[in-house]
Amino acid sequence: MTMLSCRQLFERLSEFLDGELSEDVCAHIRAHLSECAPCQTFFRTLEETVRLCQQLPSPPLPEEVRRDVQERLRAEWRRRFARSERSN
């Protein structure tokens, strides 16, 4: 197995954390992490940052966006209802 460089590892870590890589690439990343203390530290920090960000509450939806979505849904509902009425 060819060892990844630190730069190659850094370029793939987000994909690694998101589970988007093949098992072969993941094996290369795990092998590098098992032998490179600076990359281990970077990876743990990135992993913790992602975990903390996932715990943040979602920002509230602005009122104007909520109203716009509701109006679009109503318009679509009226359009579909009118079409079904015409076909009956």
N, C-alpha and C. Protein backbone atom coordinates (compact mmCIF):
# COMPACT_ATOMS: atom_id res chain seq x y z
N MET A 1 0.85 -1.18 0.00
CA MET A 1 0.00 0.00 0.00
C MET A 1 0.90 1.24 0.00
N THR A 2 0.70 2.13 -0.96
CA THR A 2 1.47 3.36 -1.04
C THR A 2 0.96 4.34 0.00
N MET A 3 1.88 4.90 0.76
CA MET A 3 1.52 5.83 1.83
C MET A 3 1.13 7.19 1.24
N LEU A 4 0.04 7.75 1.73
CA LEU A 4 -0.37 9.09 1.32
C LEU A 4 0.56 10.12 1.93
N SER A 5 0.75 11.22 1.22
CA SER A 5 1.47 12.35 1.82
C SER A 5 0.50 13.10 2.73
N CYS A 6 1.03 13.93 3.59
CA CYS A 6 0.16 14.73 4.46
C CYS A 6 -0.76 15.62 3.62
N ARG A 7 -0.24 16.19 2.58
CA ARG A 7 -1.04 17.05 1.70
C ARG A 7 -2.19 16.26 1.08
N GLN A 8 -1.90 15.06 0.58
CA GLN A 8 -2.95 14.22 -0.01
C GLN A 8 -4.01 13.89 1.04
N LEU A 9 -3.57 13.62 2.25
CA LEU A 9 -4.50 13.31 3.33
C LEU A 9 -5.41 14.50 3.60
N PHE A 10 -4.81 15.69 3.76
CA PHE A 10 -5.60 16.90 4.04
C PHE A 10 -6.64 17.15 2.97
N GLU A 11 -6.30 16.86 1.72
CA GLU A 11 -7.23 17.09 0.61
C GLU A 11 -8.43 16.14 0.65
N ARG A 12 -8.34 15.04 1.36
CA ARG A 12 -9.41 14.03 1.35
C ARG A 12 -10.13 13.89 2.69
N LEU A 13 -9.68 14.61 3.72
CA LEU A 13 -10.24 14.39 5.06
C LEU A 13 -11.73 14.68 5.16
N SER A 14 -12.20 15.73 4.52
CA SER A 14 -13.64 16.03 4.60
C SER A 14 -14.46 14.90 3.99
N GLU A 15 -14.00 14.42 2.85
CA GLU A 15 -14.69 13.29 2.21
C GLU A 15 -14.62 12.05 3.10
N PHE A 16 -13.50 11.86 3.76
CA PHE A 16 -13.32 10.73 4.66
C PHE A 16 -14.33 10.81 5.81
N LEU A 17 -14.41 11.99 6.42
CA LEU A 17 -15.36 12.18 7.53
C LEU A 17 -16.81 12.00 7.08
N ASP A 18 -17.10 12.38 5.86
CA ASP A 18 -18.47 12.28 5.34
C ASP A 18 -18.81 10.90 4.78
N GLY A 19 -17.84 9.97 4.82
CA GLY A 19 -18.09 8.62 4.32
C GLY A 19 -18.24 8.55 2.81
N GLU A 20 -17.58 9.44 2.09
CA GLU A 20 -17.74 9.52 0.64
C GLU A 20 -16.64 8.81 -0.14
N LEU A 21 -15.71 8.17 0.53
CA LEU A 21 -14.56 7.56 -0.15
C LEU A 21 -14.68 6.04 -0.20
N SER A 22 -14.00 5.46 -1.16
CA SER A 22 -13.98 4.00 -1.27
C SER A 22 -13.23 3.42 -0.07
N GLU A 23 -13.48 2.16 0.19
CA GLU A 23 -12.80 1.49 1.31
C GLU A 23 -11.30 1.49 1.10
N ASP A 24 -10.86 1.37 -0.13
CA ASP A 24 -9.43 1.37 -0.43
C ASP A 24 -8.78 2.70 -0.02
N VAL A 25 -9.41 3.80 -0.40
CA VAL A 25 -8.88 5.12 -0.04
C VAL A 25 -8.94 5.32 1.47
N CYS A 26 -10.02 4.88 2.10
CA CYS A 26 -10.14 4.98 3.56
C CYS A 26 -9.02 4.21 4.25
N ALA A 27 -8.68 3.05 3.71
CA ALA A 27 -7.59 2.25 4.29
C ALA A 27 -6.28 3.01 4.21
N HIS A 28 -6.03 3.69 3.10
CA HIS A 28 -4.81 4.50 2.97
C HIS A 28 -4.80 5.64 3.99
N ILE A 29 -5.94 6.26 4.17
CA ILE A 29 -6.04 7.36 5.13
C ILE A 29 -5.81 6.84 6.55
N ARG A 30 -6.46 5.74 6.90
CA ARG A 30 -6.27 5.17 8.25
C ARG A 30 -4.82 4.78 8.48
N ALA A 31 -4.17 4.23 7.45
CA ALA A 31 -2.76 3.84 7.58
C ALA A 31 -1.89 5.07 7.83
N HIS A 32 -2.15 6.14 7.10
CA HIS A 32 -1.37 7.37 7.29
C HIS A 32 -1.60 7.92 8.70
N LEU A 33 -2.87 7.96 9.10
CA LEU A 33 -3.19 8.49 10.43
C LEU A 33 -2.55 7.67 11.55
N SER A 34 -2.41 6.38 11.33
CA SER A 34 -1.82 5.53 12.38
C SER A 34 -0.33 5.80 12.56
N GLU A 35 0.30 6.44 11.57
CA GLU A 35 1.74 6.64 11.64
C GLU A 35 2.17 8.10 11.70
N CYS A 36 1.26 9.04 11.56
CA CYS A 36 1.64 10.45 11.47
C CYS A 36 0.95 11.25 12.59
N ALA A 37 1.70 11.56 13.63
CA ALA A 37 1.14 12.28 14.78
C ALA A 37 0.56 13.65 14.41
N PRO A 38 1.23 14.47 13.59
CA PRO A 38 0.63 15.76 13.24
C PRO A 38 -0.72 15.61 12.52
N CYS A 39 -0.81 14.63 11.63
CA CYS A 39 -2.08 14.41 10.93
C CYS A 39 -3.15 13.86 11.88
N GLN A 40 -2.75 13.04 12.84
CA GLN A 40 -3.69 12.54 13.84
C GLN A 40 -4.29 13.72 14.60
N THR A 41 -3.43 14.65 15.02
CA THR A 41 -3.89 15.82 15.76
C THR A 41 -4.83 16.66 14.91
N PHE A 42 -4.45 16.90 13.67
CA PHE A 42 -5.29 17.67 12.76
C PHE A 42 -6.64 16.98 12.56
N PHE A 43 -6.61 15.68 12.35
CA PHE A 43 -7.83 14.92 12.13
C PHE A 43 -8.75 14.97 13.35
N ARG A 44 -8.19 14.77 14.53
CA ARG A 44 -9.01 14.83 15.75
C ARG A 44 -9.64 16.21 15.92
N THR A 45 -8.87 17.25 15.62
CA THR A 45 -9.39 18.61 15.73
C THR A 45 -10.51 18.84 14.72
N LEU A 46 -10.31 18.40 13.50
CA LEU A 46 -11.34 18.53 12.47
C LEU A 46 -12.59 17.75 12.85
N GLU A 47 -12.40 16.55 13.33
CA GLU A 47 -13.52 15.69 13.74
C GLU A 47 -14.32 16.35 14.86
N GLU A 48 -13.63 16.93 15.83
CA GLU A 48 -14.30 17.60 16.95
C GLU A 48 -15.02 18.86 16.47
N THR A 49 -14.41 19.59 15.57
CA THR A 49 -15.05 20.79 15.01
C THR A 49 -16.34 20.42 14.29
N VAL A 50 -16.30 19.38 13.49
CA VAL A 50 -17.50 18.93 12.77
C VAL A 50 -18.57 18.51 13.77
N ARG A 51 -18.18 17.78 14.80
CA ARG A 51 -19.13 17.32 15.82
C ARG A 51 -19.80 18.51 16.50
N LEU A 52 -19.01 19.52 16.87
CA LEU A 52 -19.56 20.70 17.54
C LEU A 52 -20.48 21.49 16.62
N CYS A 53 -20.10 21.61 15.36
CA CYS A 53 -20.95 22.32 14.39
C CYS A 53 -22.28 21.62 14.19
N GLN A 54 -22.27 20.30 14.22
CA GLN A 54 -23.51 19.54 14.04
C GLN A 54 -24.45 19.71 15.22
N GLN A 55 -23.91 20.11 16.37
CA GLN A 55 -24.74 20.30 17.55
C GLN A 55 -25.38 21.68 17.61
N LEU A 56 -24.91 22.61 16.77
CA LEU A 56 -25.47 23.95 16.77
C LEU A 56 -26.91 23.92 16.27
N PRO A 57 -27.77 24.73 16.87
CA PRO A 57 -29.15 24.77 16.37
C PRO A 57 -29.18 25.42 15.00
N SER A 58 -30.13 25.01 14.21
CA SER A 58 -30.31 25.62 12.90
C SER A 58 -30.81 27.05 13.09
N PRO A 59 -30.33 27.98 12.29
CA PRO A 59 -30.83 29.35 12.44
C PRO A 59 -32.30 29.40 12.03
N PRO A 60 -33.06 30.30 12.65
CA PRO A 60 -34.48 30.39 12.29
C PRO A 60 -34.64 30.87 10.85
N LEU A 61 -35.69 30.41 10.24
CA LEU A 61 -36.01 30.80 8.87
C LEU A 61 -36.57 32.22 8.89
N PRO A 62 -36.02 33.13 8.10
CA PRO A 62 -36.57 34.50 8.08
C PRO A 62 -38.05 34.47 7.71
N GLU A 63 -38.82 35.35 8.32
CA GLU A 63 -40.26 35.39 8.12
C GLU A 63 -40.62 35.56 6.64
N GLU A 64 -39.89 36.41 5.93
CA GLU A 64 -40.22 36.63 4.51
C GLU A 64 -40.00 35.36 3.68
N VAL A 65 -39.02 34.56 4.03
CA VAL A 65 -38.78 33.31 3.32
C VAL A 65 -39.92 32.33 3.62
N ARG A 66 -40.31 32.26 4.89
CA ARG A 66 -41.41 31.38 5.28
C ARG A 66 -42.69 31.75 4.54
N ARG A 67 -42.99 33.05 4.48
CA ARG A 67 -44.20 33.50 3.77
C ARG A 67 -44.12 33.18 2.28
N ASP A 68 -42.94 33.39 1.69
CA ASP A 68 -42.76 33.11 0.26
C ASP A 68 -42.98 31.63 -0.03
N VAL A 69 -42.43 30.76 0.80
CA VAL A 69 -42.60 29.32 0.61
C VAL A 69 -44.07 28.94 0.75
N GLN A 70 -44.74 29.49 1.77
CA GLN A 70 -46.15 29.18 1.96
C GLN A 70 -46.98 29.63 0.75
N GLU A 71 -46.69 30.81 0.24
CA GLU A 71 -47.45 31.32 -0.91
C GLU A 71 -47.20 30.47 -2.15
N ARG A 72 -45.99 30.06 -2.36
CA ARG A 72 -45.68 29.20 -3.51
C ARG A 72 -46.39 27.85 -3.38
N LEU A 73 -46.42 27.32 -2.17
CA LEU A 73 -47.13 26.05 -1.95
C LEU A 73 -48.62 26.21 -2.21
N ARG A 74 -49.19 27.32 -1.72
CA ARG A 74 -50.62 27.57 -1.96
C ARG A 74 -50.90 27.69 -3.46
N ALA A 75 -50.05 28.44 -4.17
CA ALA A 75 -50.24 28.62 -5.61
C ALA A 75 -50.15 27.28 -6.34
N GLU A 76 -49.19 26.46 -5.95
CA GLU A 76 -49.05 25.14 -6.58
C GLU A 76 -50.27 24.27 -6.27
N TRP A 77 -50.75 24.33 -5.04
CA TRP A 77 -51.93 23.56 -4.66
C TRP A 77 -53.14 24.01 -5.48
N ARG A 78 -53.32 25.33 -5.61
CA ARG A 78 -54.45 25.85 -6.41
C ARG A 78 -54.32 25.41 -7.87
N ARG A 79 -53.12 25.48 -8.43
CA ARG A 79 -52.90 25.08 -9.82
C ARG A 79 -53.24 23.60 -10.01
N ARG A 80 -52.77 22.76 -9.10
CA ARG A 80 -53.05 21.32 -9.23
C ARG A 80 -54.53 21.01 -9.01
N PHE A 81 -55.14 21.71 -8.05
CA PHE A 81 -56.56 21.49 -7.78
C PHE A 81 -57.39 21.91 -8.99
N ALA A 82 -57.04 23.05 -9.58
CA ALA A 82 -57.78 23.53 -10.76
C ALA A 82 -57.64 22.56 -11.91
N ARG A 83 -56.46 22.01 -12.10
CA ARG A 83 -56.23 21.05 -13.19
C ARG A 83 -57.06 19.79 -12.94
N SER A 84 -57.13 19.31 -11.70
CA SER A 84 -57.89 18.09 -11.42
C SER A 84 -59.39 18.35 -11.55
N GLU A 85 -59.85 19.56 -11.24
CA GLU A 85 -61.26 19.91 -11.41
C GLU A 85 -61.64 19.92 -12.89
N ARG A 86 -60.74 20.43 -13.73
CA ARG A 86 -61.02 20.49 -15.17
C ARG A 86 -61.08 19.10 -15.78
N SER A 87 -60.30 18.18 -15.24
CA SER A 87 -60.26 16.83 -15.83
C SER A 87 -61.41 15.95 -15.34
N ASN A 88 -62.19 16.42 -14.39
CA ASN A 88 -63.33 15.62 -13.89
C ASN A 88 -64.59 15.93 -14.60
